[in-house]
Each structure stands twice: as C-alpha cells, then as structure tokens.
PDB file of N, CA and C in Angstrom:
ATOM      1  N   MET A   1       0.683  -1.038   0.472  1.00  0.00           N
ATOM      2  CA  MET A   1       0.488  -0.135   0.106  1.00  0.00           C
ATOM      3  C   MET A   1       1.537   1.119  -0.014  1.00  0.00           C
ATOM      4  N   THR A   2       0.571   2.359  -0.485  1.00  0.00           N
ATOM      5  CA  THR A   2       1.266   3.139  -0.973  1.00  0.00           C
ATOM      6  C   THR A   2       0.938   4.217  -0.252  1.00  0.00           C
ATOM      7  N   LEU A   3       1.433   5.521  -0.125  1.00  0.00           N
ATOM      8  CA  LEU A   3       1.300   6.731   1.012  1.00  0.00           C
ATOM      9  C   LEU A   3       0.029   7.203   0.370  1.00  0.00           C
ATOM     10  N   PRO A   4       0.020   7.770  -0.477  1.00  0.00           N
ATOM     11  CA  PRO A   4      -1.251   8.356  -1.372  1.00  0.00           C
ATOM     12  C   PRO A   4      -2.725   7.760  -1.031  1.00  0.00           C
ATOM     13  N   GLN A   5      -2.413   5.884  -1.522  1.00  0.00           N
ATOM     14  CA  GLN A   5      -3.352   4.991  -1.078  1.00  0.00           C
ATOM     15  C   GLN A   5      -4.178   5.246   0.237  1.00  0.00           C
ATOM     16  N   LEU A   6      -3.081   5.057   1.497  1.00  0.00           N
ATOM     17  CA  LEU A   6      -3.252   5.347   2.719  1.00  0.00           C
ATOM     18  C   LEU A   6      -4.144   6.949   2.988  1.00  0.00           C
ATOM     19  N   MET A   7      -3.605   7.633   2.201  1.00  0.00           N
ATOM     20  CA  MET A   7      -4.118   8.609   2.739  1.00  0.00           C
ATOM     21  C   MET A   7      -5.546   9.129   1.955  1.00  0.00           C
ATOM     22  N   GLN A   8      -5.034   8.065   0.912  1.00  0.00           N
ATOM     23  CA  GLN A   8      -7.127   8.083   0.133  1.00  0.00           C
ATOM     24  C   GLN A   8      -8.123   7.788   1.328  1.00  0.00           C
ATOM     25  N   ILE A   9      -7.649   6.257   2.345  1.00  0.00           N
ATOM     26  CA  ILE A   9      -8.106   5.456   2.899  1.00  0.00           C
ATOM     27  C   ILE A   9      -8.948   6.153   4.286  1.00  0.00           C
ATOM     28  N   ILE A  10      -7.704   7.257   4.612  1.00  0.00           N
ATOM     29  CA  ILE A  10      -7.702   8.510   5.557  1.00  0.00           C
ATOM     30  C   ILE A  10      -9.025   9.381   5.462  1.00  0.00           C
ATOM     31  N   TRP A  11      -8.759   9.847   4.353  1.00  0.00           N
ATOM     32  CA  TRP A  11      -9.222  10.955   3.465  1.00  0.00           C
ATOM     33  C   TRP A  11     -11.120  10.249   3.927  1.00  0.00           C
ATOM     34  N   THR A  12     -11.344   9.408   3.564  1.00  0.00           N
ATOM     35  CA  THR A  12     -12.375   8.487   3.229  1.00  0.00           C
ATOM     36  C   THR A  12     -13.139   8.317   4.306  1.00  0.00           C
ATOM     37  N   ILE A  13     -12.500   7.739   5.496  1.00  0.00           N
ATOM     38  CA  ILE A  13     -13.541   7.914   6.974  1.00  0.00           C
ATOM     39  C   ILE A  13     -13.090   8.547   7.537  1.00  0.00           C
ATOM     40  N   SER A  14     -12.239   9.846   7.345  1.00  0.00           N
ATOM     41  CA  SER A  14     -12.935  10.481   7.751  1.00  0.00           C
ATOM     42  C   SER A  14     -13.762  11.684   7.122  1.00  0.00           C
ATOM     43  N   GLY A  15     -14.347  11.406   6.038  1.00  0.00           N
ATOM     44  CA  GLY A  15     -15.530  12.110   5.294  1.00  0.00           C
ATOM     45  C   GLY A  15     -16.863  11.751   6.079  1.00  0.00           C
ATOM     46  N   VAL A  16     -16.591  10.041   6.035  1.00  0.00           N
ATOM     47  CA  VAL A  16     -17.681   9.427   6.837  1.00  0.00           C
ATOM     48  C   VAL A  16     -18.169   9.886   8.241  1.00  0.00           C
ATOM     49  N   LEU A  17     -16.875  10.096   8.833  1.00  0.00           N
ATOM     50  CA  LEU A  17     -16.954  10.261  10.139  1.00  0.00           C
ATOM     51  C   LEU A  17     -17.995  11.691  10.814  1.00  0.00           C
ATOM     52  N   LEU A  18     -17.590  12.556   9.616  1.00  0.00           N
ATOM     53  CA  LEU A  18     -17.555  13.955   9.887  1.00  0.00           C
ATOM     54  C   LEU A  18     -19.194  13.841   9.620  1.00  0.00           C
ATOM     55  N   VAL A  19     -19.847  13.547   8.516  1.00  0.00           N
ATOM     56  CA  VAL A  19     -21.008  13.192   7.991  1.00  0.00           C
ATOM     57  C   VAL A  19     -21.567  13.054   9.554  1.00  0.00           C
ATOM     58  N   VAL A  20     -21.459  11.605  10.056  1.00  0.00           N
ATOM     59  CA  VAL A  20     -22.203  11.270  11.218  1.00  0.00           C
ATOM     60  C   VAL A  20     -22.207  12.446  11.566  1.00  0.00           C
ATOM     61  N   LEU A  21     -21.358  12.321  12.659  1.00  0.00           N
ATOM     62  CA  LEU A  21     -20.867  14.022  13.968  1.00  0.00           C
ATOM     63  C   LEU A  21     -21.765  14.442  13.476  1.00  0.00           C
ATOM     64  N   ILE A  22     -21.445  15.428  12.014  1.00  0.00           N
ATOM     65  CA  ILE A  22     -22.837  16.293  11.555  1.00  0.00           C
ATOM     66  C   ILE A  22     -24.471  15.748  12.498  1.00  0.00           C
ATOM     67  N   LEU A  23     -24.721  14.718  12.009  1.00  0.00           N
ATOM     68  CA  LEU A  23     -25.990  14.497  12.228  1.00  0.00           C
ATOM     69  C   LEU A  23     -26.149  14.155  13.601  1.00  0.00           C
ATOM     70  N   LEU A  24     -24.931  13.871  14.483  1.00  0.00           N
ATOM     71  CA  LEU A  24     -25.436  13.870  15.838  1.00  0.00           C
ATOM     72  C   LEU A  24     -25.687  14.767  16.233  1.00  0.00           C
ATOM     73  N   HIS A  25     -25.215  16.692  16.006  1.00  0.00           N
ATOM     74  CA  HIS A  25     -25.484  17.541  16.182  1.00  0.00           C
ATOM     75  C   HIS A  25     -27.000  18.155  16.927  1.00  0.00           C
ATOM     76  N   SER A  26     -26.797  19.252  17.225  1.00  0.00           N
ATOM     77  CA  SER A  26     -28.694  19.312  17.290  1.00  0.00           C
ATOM     78  C   SER A  26     -28.847  20.538  18.200  1.00  0.00           C
ATOM     79  N   PRO A  27     -29.027  21.144  17.662  1.00  0.00           N
ATOM     80  CA  PRO A  27     -29.413  22.859  18.908  1.00  0.00           C
ATOM     81  C   PRO A  27     -30.129  22.283  19.969  1.00  0.00           C
ATOM     82  N   LYS A  28     -30.067  21.556  20.189  1.00  0.00           N
ATOM     83  CA  LYS A  28     -31.061  20.652  21.855  1.00  0.00           C
ATOM     84  C   LYS A  28     -29.396  20.214  22.749  1.00  0.00           C
ATOM     85  N   GLY A  29     -28.623  19.493  21.550  1.00  0.00           N
ATOM     86  CA  GLY A  29     -27.648  18.959  22.455  1.00  0.00           C
ATOM     87  C   GLY A  29     -28.015  17.581  22.291  1.00  0.00           C
ATOM     88  N   ASP A  30     -28.559  17.128  21.681  1.00  0.00           N
ATOM     89  CA  ASP A  30     -29.568  15.297  22.265  1.00  0.00           C
ATOM     90  C   ASP A  30     -29.084  15.271  20.436  1.00  0.00           C
ATOM     91  N   GLY A  31     -29.967  15.113  19.615  1.00  0.00           N
ATOM     92  CA  GLY A  31     -29.815  15.356  17.899  1.00  0.00           C
ATOM     93  C   GLY A  31     -29.607  13.441  17.818  1.00  0.00           C
ATOM     94  N   LEU A  32     -29.511  12.686  16.874  1.00  0.00           N
ATOM     95  CA  LEU A  32     -29.799  11.684  17.015  1.00  0.00           C
ATOM     96  C   LEU A  32     -28.647  10.428  17.956  1.00  0.00           C
ATOM     97  N   GLY A  33     -27.740  10.839  18.728  1.00  0.00           N
ATOM     98  CA  GLY A  33     -27.140  10.695  20.114  1.00  0.00           C
ATOM     99  C   GLY A  33     -28.657   9.607  21.022  1.00  0.00           C
ATOM    100  N   GLY A  34     -29.696  10.488  21.137  1.00  0.00           N
ATOM    101  CA  GLY A  34     -30.699  10.622  22.216  1.00  0.00           C
ATOM    102  C   GLY A  34     -31.740   9.097  21.618  1.00  0.00           C
ATOM    103  N   ILE A  35     -31.160   8.568  20.361  1.00  0.00           N
ATOM    104  CA  ILE A  35     -31.867   7.176  20.429  1.00  0.00           C
ATOM    105  C   ILE A  35     -31.535   6.869  20.857  1.00  0.00           C
ATOM    106  N   GLY A  36     -30.472   6.536  20.582  1.00  0.00           N
ATOM    107  CA  GLY A  36     -29.429   4.889  21.056  1.00  0.00           C
ATOM    108  C   GLY A  36     -28.783   5.124  22.326  1.00  0.00           C
ATOM    109  N   GLY A  37     -29.530   6.674  23.495  1.00  0.00           N
ATOM    110  CA  GLY A  37     -29.037   6.609  24.993  1.00  0.00           C
ATOM    111  C   GLY A  37     -27.071   7.335  24.825  1.00  0.00           C
ATOM    112  N   GLN A  38     -26.615   7.226  23.405  1.00  0.00           N
ATOM    113  CA  GLN A  38     -25.503   7.789  23.823  1.00  0.00           C
ATOM    114  C   GLN A  38     -24.968   9.580  24.263  1.00  0.00           C
ATOM    115  N   ALA A  39     -26.184  10.114  24.304  1.00  0.00           N
ATOM    116  CA  ALA A  39     -25.986  11.690  24.656  1.00  0.00           C
ATOM    117  C   ALA A  39     -25.756  11.325  26.858  1.00  0.00           C
ATOM    118  N   GLN A  40     -26.107  10.114  27.187  1.00  0.00           N
ATOM    119  CA  GLN A  40     -25.930   9.731  28.856  1.00  0.00           C
ATOM    120  C   GLN A  40     -24.294   9.675  29.250  1.00  0.00           C
ATOM    121  N   LEU A  41     -23.709   9.094  28.200  1.00  0.00           N
ATOM    122  CA  LEU A  41     -22.575   9.170  28.192  1.00  0.00           C
ATOM    123  C   LEU A  41     -21.663  10.065  28.517  1.00  0.00           C
ATOM    124  N   PHE A  42     -22.626  11.132  28.912  1.00  0.00           N
ATOM    125  CA  PHE A  42     -21.971  12.566  29.066  1.00  0.00           C
ATOM    126  C   PHE A  42     -22.640  12.618  30.406  1.00  0.00           C
ATOM    127  N   THR A  43     -21.658  13.861  31.328  1.00  0.00           N
ATOM    128  CA  THR A  43     -22.525  14.231  32.665  1.00  0.00           C
ATOM    129  C   THR A  43     -23.509  15.455  32.208  1.00  0.00           C
ATOM    130  N   SER A  44     -23.249  16.300  31.169  1.00  0.00           N
ATOM    131  CA  SER A  44     -23.896  17.182  31.169  1.00  0.00           C
ATOM    132  C   SER A  44     -24.319  17.039  29.704  1.00  0.00           C
ATOM    133  N   ALA A  45     -25.346  17.913  28.767  1.00  0.00           N
ATOM    134  CA  ALA A  45     -25.543  18.373  27.598  1.00  0.00           C
ATOM    135  C   ALA A  45     -24.799  19.173  26.685  1.00  0.00           C
ATOM    136  N   LYS A  46     -24.360  19.970  28.177  1.00  0.00           N
ATOM    137  CA  LYS A  46     -22.543  20.802  27.820  1.00  0.00           C
ATOM    138  C   LYS A  46     -21.961  20.422  27.471  1.00  0.00           C
ATOM    139  N   SER A  47     -20.877  19.238  27.960  1.00  0.00           N
ATOM    140  CA  SER A  47     -19.843  18.239  28.173  1.00  0.00           C
ATOM    141  C   SER A  47     -20.299  17.981  26.904  1.00  0.00           C
ATOM    142  N   ALA A  48     -21.794  16.611  26.159  1.00  0.00           N
ATOM    143  CA  ALA A  48     -21.177  16.144  25.289  1.00  0.00           C
ATOM    144  C   ALA A  48     -21.300  17.734  24.110  1.00  0.00           C
ATOM    145  N   GLU A  49     -22.377  18.323  23.822  1.00  0.00           N
ATOM    146  CA  GLU A  49     -21.773  19.362  23.213  1.00  0.00           C
ATOM    147  C   GLU A  49     -20.030  19.484  22.648  1.00  0.00           C
ATOM    148  N   LYS A  50     -19.713  19.857  24.061  1.00  0.00           N
ATOM    149  CA  LYS A  50     -18.429  20.436  23.605  1.00  0.00           C
ATOM    150  C   LYS A  50     -17.406  19.202  23.016  1.00  0.00           C
ATOM    151  N   THR A  51     -17.667  17.883  23.505  1.00  0.00           N
ATOM    152  CA  THR A  51     -16.780  16.626  22.964  1.00  0.00           C
ATOM    153  C   THR A  51     -16.934  16.397  21.515  1.00  0.00           C
ATOM    154  N   LEU A  52     -18.446  16.636  21.275  1.00  0.00           N
ATOM    155  CA  LEU A  52     -18.690  16.589  19.639  1.00  0.00           C
ATOM    156  C   LEU A  52     -17.977  17.720  19.040  1.00  0.00           C
ATOM    157  N   ASN A  53     -17.852  19.012  19.755  1.00  0.00           N
ATOM    158  CA  ASN A  53     -17.680  19.914  18.629  1.00  0.00           C
ATOM    159  C   ASN A  53     -15.884  20.157  18.164  1.00  0.00           C
ATOM    160  N   GLN A  54     -15.422  19.443  19.716  1.00  0.00           N
ATOM    161  CA  GLN A  54     -13.983  19.162  19.566  1.00  0.00           C
ATOM    162  C   GLN A  54     -13.316  17.827  18.507  1.00  0.00           C
ATOM    163  N   ILE A  55     -14.277  16.824  18.573  1.00  0.00           N
ATOM    164  CA  ILE A  55     -14.030  15.785  17.201  1.00  0.00           C
ATOM    165  C   ILE A  55     -14.301  16.555  15.918  1.00  0.00           C
ATOM    166  N   THR A  56     -15.381  17.075  16.029  1.00  0.00           N
ATOM    167  CA  THR A  56     -16.315  17.850  14.554  1.00  0.00           C
ATOM    168  C   THR A  56     -15.076  18.751  13.679  1.00  0.00           C
ATOM    169  N   TRP A  57     -14.494  19.535  14.862  1.00  0.00           N
ATOM    170  CA  TRP A  57     -13.208  20.277  14.448  1.00  0.00           C
ATOM    171  C   TRP A  57     -12.351  19.530  13.646  1.00  0.00           C
ATOM    172  N   THR A  58     -11.768  18.810  14.699  1.00  0.00           N
ATOM    173  CA  THR A  58     -10.672  17.650  14.072  1.00  0.00           C
ATOM    174  C   THR A  58     -10.772  17.050  13.332  1.00  0.00           C
ATOM    175  N   LEU A  59     -11.932  16.683  12.960  1.00  0.00           N
ATOM    176  CA  LEU A  59     -12.168  15.352  11.431  1.00  0.00           C
ATOM    177  C   LEU A  59     -11.975  16.573  10.235  1.00  0.00           C
ATOM    178  N   SER A  60     -12.938  17.743  10.381  1.00  0.00           N
ATOM    179  CA  SER A  60     -13.121  18.559   9.578  1.00  0.00           C
ATOM    180  C   SER A  60     -11.631  19.305   8.732  1.00  0.00           C
ATOM    181  N   ILE A  61     -10.305  19.289  10.167  1.00  0.00           N
ATOM    182  CA  ILE A  61      -9.429  20.444   9.754  1.00  0.00           C
ATOM    183  C   ILE A  61      -8.579  18.547   9.009  1.00  0.00           C
ATOM    184  N   VAL A  62      -8.475  17.616   9.756  1.00  0.00           N
ATOM    185  CA  VAL A  62      -8.420  16.585   9.087  1.00  0.00           C
ATOM    186  C   VAL A  62      -8.452  16.314   7.628  1.00  0.00           C
ATOM    187  N   PHE A  63      -9.501  16.574   7.021  1.00  0.00           N
ATOM    188  CA  PHE A  63     -10.258  15.831   6.035  1.00  0.00           C
ATOM    189  C   PHE A  63     -10.034  17.310   4.750  1.00  0.00           C
ATOM    190  N   ILE A  64     -10.090  18.346   5.237  1.00  0.00           N
ATOM    191  CA  ILE A  64      -9.399  19.519   4.500  1.00  0.00           C
ATOM    192  C   ILE A  64      -8.168  19.616   4.027  1.00  0.00           C
ATOM    193  N   ALA A  65      -7.161  19.469   4.835  1.00  0.00           N
ATOM    194  CA  ALA A  65      -5.886  19.031   5.018  1.00  0.00           C
ATOM    195  C   ALA A  65      -5.621  18.020   3.931  1.00  0.00           C
ATOM    196  N   LEU A  66      -6.318  16.906   4.258  1.00  0.00           N
ATOM    197  CA  LEU A  66      -6.251  15.754   2.955  1.00  0.00           C
ATOM    198  C   LEU A  66      -6.423  15.742   1.558  1.00  0.00           C
ATOM    199  N   THR A  67      -7.632  17.144   1.463  1.00  0.00           N
ATOM    200  CA  THR A  67      -8.417  16.788   0.094  1.00  0.00           C
ATOM    201  C   THR A  67      -7.437  18.011   0.211  1.00  0.00           C
ATOM    202  N   ILE A  68      -6.684  18.976  -0.022  1.00  0.00           N
ATOM    203  CA  ILE A  68      -5.720  20.470  -0.490  1.00  0.00           C
ATOM    204  C   ILE A  68      -4.654  18.957  -0.697  1.00  0.00           C
ATOM    205  N   VAL A  69      -3.978  18.457   0.123  1.00  0.00           N
ATOM    206  CA  VAL A  69      -3.072  17.318  -0.622  1.00  0.00           C
ATOM    207  C   VAL A  69      -3.529  16.411  -1.146  1.00  0.00           C
ATOM    208  N   LEU A  70      -3.899  16.067  -1.416  1.00  0.00           N
ATOM    209  CA  LEU A  70      -4.625  14.762  -2.089  1.00  0.00           C
ATOM    210  C   LEU A  70      -4.692  15.608  -3.528  1.00  0.00           C
ATOM    211  N   SER A  71      -5.511  16.831  -3.588  1.00  0.00           N
ATOM    212  CA  SER A  71      -5.677  17.200  -4.642  1.00  0.00           C
ATOM    213  C   SER A  71      -4.950  18.114  -5.471  1.00  0.00           C
ATOM    214  N   ALA A  72      -3.628  18.400  -4.732  1.00  0.00           N
ATOM    215  CA  ALA A  72      -2.127  18.921  -5.460  1.00  0.00           C
ATOM    216  C   ALA A  72      -1.552  18.688  -6.494  1.00  0.00           C
ATOM    217  N   GLY A  73      -1.678  17.074  -6.236  1.00  0.00           N
ATOM    218  CA  GLY A  73      -0.465  16.007  -6.364  1.00  0.00           C
ATOM    219  C   GLY A  73       0.591  16.045  -5.895  1.00  0.00           C
ATOM    220  N   TRP A  74       0.622  16.273  -4.669  1.00  0.00           N
ATOM    221  CA  TRP A  74       2.226  16.873  -4.004  1.00  0.00           C
ATOM    222  C   TRP A  74       2.436  15.593  -3.293  1.00  0.00           C
ATOM    223  N   LEU A  75       2.360  13.883  -3.881  1.00  0.00           N
ATOM    224  CA  LEU A  75       2.728  12.879  -3.112  1.00  0.00           C
ATOM    225  C   LEU A  75       2.830  12.593  -4.528  1.00  0.00           C
ATOM    226  N   THR A  76       2.545  12.653  -5.698  1.00  0.00           N
ATOM    227  CA  THR A  76       2.857  11.703  -6.783  1.00  0.00           C
ATOM    228  C   THR A  76       4.060  12.089  -7.275  1.00  0.00           C
ATOM    229  N   PRO A  77       4.343  11.106  -7.433  1.00  0.00           N
ATOM    230  CA  PRO A  77       6.636  11.322  -8.602  1.00  0.00           C
ATOM    231  C   PRO A  77       6.201  12.385  -8.822  1.00  0.00           C
ATOM    232  N   GLN A  78       7.403  13.380  -9.556  1.00  0.00           N
ATOM    233  CA  GLN A  78       7.093  14.047 -11.127  1.00  0.00           C
ATOM    234  C   GLN A  78       8.182  13.421 -11.816  1.00  0.00           C
ATOM    235  N   GLY A  79       7.889  13.426 -13.231  1.00  0.00           N
ATOM    236  CA  GLY A  79       8.190  12.540 -13.928  1.00  0.00           C
ATOM    237  C   GLY A  79       8.035  12.557 -15.425  1.00  0.00           C
TER     238      GLY A  79
END
C-alpha cells in the first residue's frame, strides 16, 4: 500500500465520520445520539456538545488538509 492510497483511505473514513458527527449535532444537544442513549455517556449536555464540537472540528481540519494534499498532487512522483 502506497502513501497516497493510505491517505485516500484516511480521507474517506474522515469524510464518513464527519457526516455522522454532523448528524449527531442538534441545537438542543441531543440529536440522533438520543436515540441510542449515547447522550447519557456524558455528565451533561454541555459536555457532550463540547466533545462533539472538538471531534467535529478536528475531523474537519484533517479532511480539508487531506483534500488539499491529495488534489494538489504533491504525493505523486514528478517525471
């Protein structure tokens, strides 16, 4: 497996996880996480939203950075 292939796999996984995390967000802090009782894992709704926001921002940065690197062709050999 080459480095560009590995980065494409990470890019795809981060994109899918980003969609799932965005769907978990809700103005009330419950979102789709309330269906399975996942919101009860945290001590409060504020803690859950804060954690969800941090993970979402991190995945967004990873996704955008990989998009730039993969689209610019910096990993393909020149020749």
